[in-house]
Amino acid sequence: LGLLRRSRSQQARVVLDLMNSPDERPTLLLGDLNEWRLGSRSALNTLHATFGPQPPAVPTFPSNLPLLALDRIMANRHGMIAAINAHDTPLSRVTSDHLPLTAFVRLERVDDDALMSSASQSV
């Protein structure tokens, strides 16, 4: 997202508008979100209603001494992201100004509607 807080807030609203559909598929939002503020000062608060509480952010910037958590991996399903880590190697410290993130994503989520539908058909 943008470098300015106001542009990050606007861009977060655009992301939510694009996701606003009757087909609510599990969705990941990931990348350099450029947000270092926490709590009510964060431009990412707009995303909280859809993406809810997330695992703690991991410092990735600057790559040679990661202090700020500017990069995120978020999911719109609770528990979908089990772990997030910075990929910190000698090579990753020189190939970018941000360390890459890795995540363990759980995809085995059962669709409640499909489960209810199959249960009603078997009765």
N, C-alpha and C. Protein backbone atom coordinates (compact mmCIF):
# COMPACT_ATOMS: atom_id res chain seq x y z
N LEU A 1 0.84 -1.17 0.00
CA LEU A 1 0.00 0.00 0.00
C LEU A 1 0.88 1.24 0.00
N GLY A 2 0.27 2.38 -0.16
CA GLY A 2 1.00 3.64 -0.29
C GLY A 2 1.79 4.03 0.94
N LEU A 3 2.67 4.99 0.77
CA LEU A 3 3.51 5.46 1.86
C LEU A 3 2.78 6.40 2.81
N LEU A 4 1.76 7.10 2.34
CA LEU A 4 1.02 8.03 3.19
C LEU A 4 -0.15 7.34 3.88
N ARG A 5 -0.39 7.68 5.14
CA ARG A 5 -1.46 7.04 5.92
C ARG A 5 -2.81 7.16 5.22
N ARG A 6 -3.10 8.34 4.72
CA ARG A 6 -4.40 8.56 4.05
C ARG A 6 -4.55 7.66 2.82
N SER A 7 -3.49 7.53 2.03
CA SER A 7 -3.59 6.68 0.84
C SER A 7 -3.72 5.21 1.24
N ARG A 8 -3.07 4.79 2.33
CA ARG A 8 -3.23 3.40 2.79
C ARG A 8 -4.67 3.14 3.20
N SER A 9 -5.29 4.10 3.89
CA SER A 9 -6.69 3.94 4.30
C SER A 9 -7.61 3.83 3.08
N GLN A 10 -7.39 4.68 2.09
CA GLN A 10 -8.20 4.63 0.87
C GLN A 10 -7.99 3.31 0.14
N GLN A 11 -6.75 2.88 0.03
CA GLN A 11 -6.46 1.63 -0.67
C GLN A 11 -7.06 0.43 0.07
N ALA A 12 -7.05 0.46 1.40
CA ALA A 12 -7.66 -0.62 2.18
C ALA A 12 -9.16 -0.68 1.90
N ARG A 13 -9.82 0.47 1.79
CA ARG A 13 -11.26 0.48 1.46
C ARG A 13 -11.51 -0.08 0.06
N VAL A 14 -10.63 0.22 -0.89
CA VAL A 14 -10.78 -0.33 -2.25
C VAL A 14 -10.65 -1.85 -2.22
N VAL A 15 -9.70 -2.36 -1.45
CA VAL A 15 -9.54 -3.82 -1.33
C VAL A 15 -10.83 -4.43 -0.80
N LEU A 16 -11.40 -3.84 0.23
CA LEU A 16 -12.64 -4.37 0.81
C LEU A 16 -13.80 -4.27 -0.18
N ASP A 17 -13.88 -3.19 -0.94
CA ASP A 17 -14.93 -3.06 -1.96
C ASP A 17 -14.80 -4.16 -3.00
N LEU A 18 -13.58 -4.46 -3.41
CA LEU A 18 -13.36 -5.51 -4.41
C LEU A 18 -13.73 -6.89 -3.86
N MET A 19 -13.59 -7.06 -2.56
CA MET A 19 -13.93 -8.34 -1.94
C MET A 19 -15.41 -8.46 -1.63
N ASN A 20 -16.14 -7.37 -1.66
CA ASN A 20 -17.55 -7.37 -1.28
C ASN A 20 -18.38 -8.07 -2.35
N SER A 21 -18.60 -9.35 -2.14
CA SER A 21 -19.41 -10.12 -3.07
C SER A 21 -20.13 -11.20 -2.28
N PRO A 22 -21.22 -11.74 -2.83
CA PRO A 22 -21.94 -12.78 -2.11
C PRO A 22 -21.12 -14.07 -1.97
N ASP A 23 -20.14 -14.26 -2.83
CA ASP A 23 -19.30 -15.45 -2.79
C ASP A 23 -18.09 -15.16 -1.90
N GLU A 24 -18.20 -15.51 -0.62
CA GLU A 24 -17.15 -15.19 0.34
C GLU A 24 -16.14 -16.32 0.42
N ARG A 25 -15.23 -16.34 -0.52
CA ARG A 25 -14.18 -17.35 -0.54
C ARG A 25 -13.10 -16.99 0.47
N PRO A 26 -12.42 -18.01 1.01
CA PRO A 26 -11.26 -17.71 1.84
C PRO A 26 -10.27 -16.87 1.03
N THR A 27 -9.80 -15.78 1.62
CA THR A 27 -8.97 -14.82 0.90
C THR A 27 -7.75 -14.45 1.72
N LEU A 28 -6.61 -14.35 1.04
CA LEU A 28 -5.38 -13.86 1.65
C LEU A 28 -5.07 -12.48 1.10
N LEU A 29 -4.60 -11.61 1.96
CA LEU A 29 -4.08 -10.31 1.56
C LEU A 29 -2.64 -10.29 2.04
N LEU A 30 -1.71 -10.11 1.12
CA LEU A 30 -0.31 -10.14 1.52
C LEU A 30 0.50 -9.14 0.73
N GLY A 31 1.53 -8.65 1.36
CA GLY A 31 2.43 -7.74 0.68
C GLY A 31 2.97 -6.67 1.60
N ASP A 32 3.62 -5.70 0.99
CA ASP A 32 4.19 -4.56 1.69
C ASP A 32 3.06 -3.56 1.93
N LEU A 33 2.50 -3.58 3.12
CA LEU A 33 1.37 -2.70 3.44
C LEU A 33 1.84 -1.38 4.04
N ASN A 34 3.14 -1.22 4.25
CA ASN A 34 3.73 0.05 4.69
C ASN A 34 3.10 0.61 5.96
N GLU A 35 2.61 -0.22 6.83
CA GLU A 35 2.00 0.29 8.06
C GLU A 35 2.81 -0.15 9.27
N TRP A 36 3.27 0.82 10.02
CA TRP A 36 4.05 0.53 11.22
C TRP A 36 3.30 0.95 12.47
N ARG A 37 2.22 1.72 12.31
CA ARG A 37 1.45 2.16 13.47
C ARG A 37 0.58 1.01 13.98
N LEU A 38 0.33 1.02 15.28
CA LEU A 38 -0.50 0.00 15.89
C LEU A 38 -1.78 0.63 16.42
N GLY A 39 -2.76 -0.20 16.69
CA GLY A 39 -3.99 0.26 17.33
C GLY A 39 -4.79 1.23 16.50
N SER A 40 -5.38 2.21 17.17
CA SER A 40 -6.30 3.14 16.51
C SER A 40 -5.59 4.05 15.50
N ARG A 41 -4.30 4.19 15.58
CA ARG A 41 -3.55 5.03 14.64
C ARG A 41 -3.26 4.31 13.33
N SER A 42 -3.49 3.02 13.26
CA SER A 42 -3.16 2.24 12.07
C SER A 42 -4.16 2.47 10.94
N ALA A 43 -3.64 2.66 9.73
CA ALA A 43 -4.50 2.78 8.55
C ALA A 43 -5.13 1.44 8.20
N LEU A 44 -4.64 0.36 8.79
CA LEU A 44 -5.17 -0.97 8.49
C LEU A 44 -6.41 -1.30 9.32
N ASN A 45 -6.83 -0.42 10.22
CA ASN A 45 -8.04 -0.67 11.02
C ASN A 45 -9.25 -0.91 10.13
N THR A 46 -9.26 -0.30 8.96
CA THR A 46 -10.35 -0.49 8.01
C THR A 46 -10.52 -1.96 7.66
N LEU A 47 -9.42 -2.69 7.66
CA LEU A 47 -9.44 -4.11 7.27
C LEU A 47 -9.89 -5.02 8.40
N HIS A 48 -9.94 -4.52 9.62
CA HIS A 48 -10.19 -5.37 10.79
C HIS A 48 -11.54 -6.09 10.73
N ALA A 49 -12.58 -5.42 10.26
CA ALA A 49 -13.90 -6.06 10.23
C ALA A 49 -13.91 -7.29 9.32
N THR A 50 -13.17 -7.25 8.23
CA THR A 50 -13.14 -8.37 7.29
C THR A 50 -12.07 -9.39 7.66
N PHE A 51 -10.89 -8.91 8.02
CA PHE A 51 -9.77 -9.81 8.26
C PHE A 51 -9.58 -10.14 9.74
N GLY A 52 -10.26 -9.41 10.62
CA GLY A 52 -10.25 -9.73 12.04
C GLY A 52 -8.87 -9.74 12.66
N PRO A 53 -8.78 -10.31 13.86
CA PRO A 53 -7.47 -10.38 14.52
C PRO A 53 -6.53 -11.28 13.72
N GLN A 54 -5.30 -10.87 13.66
CA GLN A 54 -4.29 -11.58 12.89
C GLN A 54 -3.15 -12.00 13.80
N PRO A 55 -2.35 -12.97 13.33
CA PRO A 55 -1.15 -13.30 14.10
C PRO A 55 -0.26 -12.06 14.22
N PRO A 56 0.57 -12.00 15.24
CA PRO A 56 1.44 -10.83 15.39
C PRO A 56 2.26 -10.57 14.13
N ALA A 57 2.41 -9.29 13.81
CA ALA A 57 3.21 -8.90 12.65
C ALA A 57 4.69 -9.17 12.94
N VAL A 58 5.42 -9.52 11.89
CA VAL A 58 6.83 -9.89 12.01
C VAL A 58 7.70 -8.79 11.41
N PRO A 59 8.71 -8.30 12.12
CA PRO A 59 9.58 -7.27 11.55
C PRO A 59 10.31 -7.77 10.29
N THR A 60 10.26 -6.95 9.24
CA THR A 60 10.89 -7.31 7.96
C THR A 60 11.71 -6.18 7.36
N PHE A 61 11.65 -5.00 7.96
CA PHE A 61 12.30 -3.83 7.36
C PHE A 61 13.08 -3.06 8.40
N PRO A 62 14.27 -2.59 8.05
CA PRO A 62 15.05 -2.90 6.86
C PRO A 62 15.65 -4.31 6.96
N SER A 63 15.91 -4.90 5.84
CA SER A 63 16.33 -6.31 5.83
C SER A 63 17.63 -6.55 6.57
N ASN A 64 18.53 -5.56 6.61
CA ASN A 64 19.80 -5.79 7.31
C ASN A 64 19.67 -5.70 8.83
N LEU A 65 18.60 -5.09 9.32
CA LEU A 65 18.31 -5.03 10.75
C LEU A 65 16.81 -4.83 10.92
N PRO A 66 16.03 -5.90 10.76
CA PRO A 66 14.57 -5.77 10.73
C PRO A 66 13.99 -5.27 12.06
N LEU A 67 13.41 -4.08 12.01
CA LEU A 67 12.79 -3.47 13.18
C LEU A 67 11.30 -3.20 12.99
N LEU A 68 10.89 -2.92 11.75
CA LEU A 68 9.50 -2.55 11.47
C LEU A 68 8.77 -3.68 10.74
N ALA A 69 7.53 -3.90 11.13
CA ALA A 69 6.69 -4.92 10.49
C ALA A 69 5.82 -4.24 9.43
N LEU A 70 6.41 -3.98 8.26
CA LEU A 70 5.68 -3.30 7.18
C LEU A 70 4.96 -4.28 6.27
N ASP A 71 5.39 -5.52 6.28
CA ASP A 71 4.83 -6.55 5.39
C ASP A 71 3.87 -7.42 6.19
N ARG A 72 2.79 -7.82 5.55
CA ARG A 72 1.77 -8.60 6.25
C ARG A 72 1.27 -9.75 5.38
N ILE A 73 0.78 -10.77 6.06
CA ILE A 73 -0.02 -11.82 5.44
C ILE A 73 -1.26 -11.93 6.31
N MET A 74 -2.43 -11.67 5.71
CA MET A 74 -3.69 -11.64 6.45
C MET A 74 -4.69 -12.57 5.77
N ALA A 75 -5.59 -13.13 6.55
CA ALA A 75 -6.64 -14.00 6.01
C ALA A 75 -7.99 -13.54 6.53
N ASN A 76 -9.03 -13.76 5.72
CA ASN A 76 -10.37 -13.38 6.16
C ASN A 76 -11.08 -14.52 6.89
N ARG A 77 -10.36 -15.55 7.27
CA ARG A 77 -10.90 -16.65 8.07
C ARG A 77 -10.03 -16.83 9.30
N HIS A 78 -10.66 -16.84 10.47
CA HIS A 78 -9.93 -17.03 11.72
C HIS A 78 -9.23 -18.39 11.70
N GLY A 79 -7.98 -18.42 12.08
CA GLY A 79 -7.22 -19.66 12.15
C GLY A 79 -6.65 -20.15 10.84
N MET A 80 -6.92 -19.46 9.75
CA MET A 80 -6.41 -19.89 8.45
C MET A 80 -4.89 -19.76 8.38
N ILE A 81 -4.33 -18.74 9.03
CA ILE A 81 -2.88 -18.57 9.07
C ILE A 81 -2.39 -19.08 10.42
N ALA A 82 -1.60 -20.15 10.37
CA ALA A 82 -1.12 -20.77 11.60
C ALA A 82 0.19 -20.16 12.08
N ALA A 83 1.03 -19.72 11.15
CA ALA A 83 2.33 -19.17 11.54
C ALA A 83 2.85 -18.26 10.44
N ILE A 84 3.52 -17.19 10.85
CA ILE A 84 4.18 -16.27 9.91
C ILE A 84 5.60 -16.08 10.40
N ASN A 85 6.55 -16.18 9.47
CA ASN A 85 7.96 -16.00 9.80
C ASN A 85 8.65 -15.17 8.74
N ALA A 86 9.68 -14.46 9.15
CA ALA A 86 10.55 -13.77 8.19
C ALA A 86 11.58 -14.77 7.70
N HIS A 87 11.82 -14.77 6.40
CA HIS A 87 12.84 -15.63 5.80
C HIS A 87 14.16 -14.87 5.86
N ASP A 88 14.91 -15.11 6.92
CA ASP A 88 16.12 -14.33 7.20
C ASP A 88 17.36 -15.17 6.91
N THR A 89 17.97 -14.92 5.77
CA THR A 89 19.21 -15.58 5.37
C THR A 89 20.18 -14.50 4.89
N PRO A 90 21.46 -14.84 4.78
CA PRO A 90 22.40 -13.85 4.23
C PRO A 90 21.96 -13.34 2.86
N LEU A 91 21.45 -14.22 2.01
CA LEU A 91 21.02 -13.81 0.68
C LEU A 91 19.77 -12.92 0.74
N SER A 92 18.79 -13.28 1.59
CA SER A 92 17.57 -12.47 1.66
C SER A 92 17.84 -11.08 2.22
N ARG A 93 18.90 -10.92 2.98
CA ARG A 93 19.24 -9.60 3.53
C ARG A 93 19.81 -8.65 2.49
N VAL A 94 20.31 -9.19 1.37
CA VAL A 94 20.91 -8.31 0.35
C VAL A 94 20.07 -8.21 -0.92
N THR A 95 19.09 -9.08 -1.11
CA THR A 95 18.31 -9.06 -2.36
C THR A 95 17.17 -8.05 -2.34
N SER A 96 16.80 -7.56 -1.16
CA SER A 96 15.72 -6.58 -1.07
C SER A 96 15.90 -5.78 0.21
N ASP A 97 15.22 -4.64 0.29
CA ASP A 97 15.25 -3.87 1.53
C ASP A 97 14.26 -4.41 2.56
N HIS A 98 13.42 -5.37 2.16
CA HIS A 98 12.50 -6.07 3.06
C HIS A 98 12.84 -7.55 3.06
N LEU A 99 12.74 -8.19 4.23
CA LEU A 99 12.85 -9.64 4.27
C LEU A 99 11.54 -10.23 3.76
N PRO A 100 11.60 -11.35 3.04
CA PRO A 100 10.36 -12.00 2.62
C PRO A 100 9.69 -12.68 3.81
N LEU A 101 8.38 -12.83 3.71
CA LEU A 101 7.61 -13.54 4.72
C LEU A 101 7.21 -14.91 4.21
N THR A 102 7.14 -15.86 5.12
CA THR A 102 6.57 -17.17 4.81
C THR A 102 5.42 -17.39 5.79
N ALA A 103 4.45 -18.17 5.36
CA ALA A 103 3.31 -18.45 6.23
C ALA A 103 2.88 -19.90 6.07
N PHE A 104 2.37 -20.46 7.14
CA PHE A 104 1.71 -21.76 7.09
C PHE A 104 0.22 -21.46 7.03
N VAL A 105 -0.40 -21.80 5.90
CA VAL A 105 -1.82 -21.49 5.67
C VAL A 105 -2.61 -22.78 5.70
N ARG A 106 -3.64 -22.82 6.52
CA ARG A 106 -4.51 -24.00 6.61
C ARG A 106 -5.64 -23.87 5.59
N LEU A 107 -5.68 -24.82 4.67
CA LEU A 107 -6.70 -24.78 3.62
C LEU A 107 -7.78 -25.84 3.82
N GLU A 108 -7.72 -26.60 4.89
CA GLU A 108 -8.67 -27.68 5.08
C GLU A 108 -9.99 -27.23 5.69
N ARG A 109 -10.25 -25.97 5.69
CA ARG A 109 -11.49 -25.42 6.27
C ARG A 109 -12.70 -26.04 5.57
N VAL A 110 -13.64 -26.53 6.37
CA VAL A 110 -14.86 -27.12 5.83
C VAL A 110 -15.89 -26.02 5.59
N ASP A 111 -16.50 -26.04 4.42
CA ASP A 111 -17.55 -25.09 4.09
C ASP A 111 -18.81 -25.49 4.85
N ASP A 112 -19.24 -24.67 5.80
CA ASP A 112 -20.39 -24.99 6.64
C ASP A 112 -21.66 -25.20 5.82
N ASP A 113 -21.86 -24.42 4.76
CA ASP A 113 -23.05 -24.57 3.93
C ASP A 113 -23.05 -25.92 3.23
N ALA A 114 -21.92 -26.34 2.71
CA ALA A 114 -21.83 -27.64 2.03
C ALA A 114 -22.07 -28.77 3.02
N LEU A 115 -21.55 -28.62 4.23
CA LEU A 115 -21.75 -29.63 5.26
C LEU A 115 -23.22 -29.73 5.64
N MET A 116 -23.89 -28.60 5.82
CA MET A 116 -25.31 -28.59 6.16
C MET A 116 -26.14 -29.16 5.01
N SER A 117 -25.77 -28.84 3.78
CA SER A 117 -26.50 -29.33 2.62
C SER A 117 -26.42 -30.84 2.52
N SER A 118 -25.23 -31.40 2.70
CA SER A 118 -25.07 -32.85 2.59
C SER A 118 -25.76 -33.55 3.75
N ALA A 119 -25.80 -32.92 4.93
CA ALA A 119 -26.47 -33.51 6.08
C ALA A 119 -27.98 -33.56 5.86
N SER A 120 -28.55 -32.50 5.26
CA SER A 120 -29.99 -32.48 5.03
C SER A 120 -30.40 -33.45 3.93
N GLN A 121 -29.51 -33.72 2.97
CA GLN A 121 -29.82 -34.66 1.90
C GLN A 121 -29.80 -36.10 2.39
N SER A 122 -29.01 -36.38 3.42
CA SER A 122 -28.90 -37.76 3.90
C SER A 122 -30.01 -38.13 4.87
N VAL A 123 -30.83 -37.15 5.27
CA VAL A 123 -31.92 -37.42 6.22
C VAL A 123 -33.14 -37.89 5.50
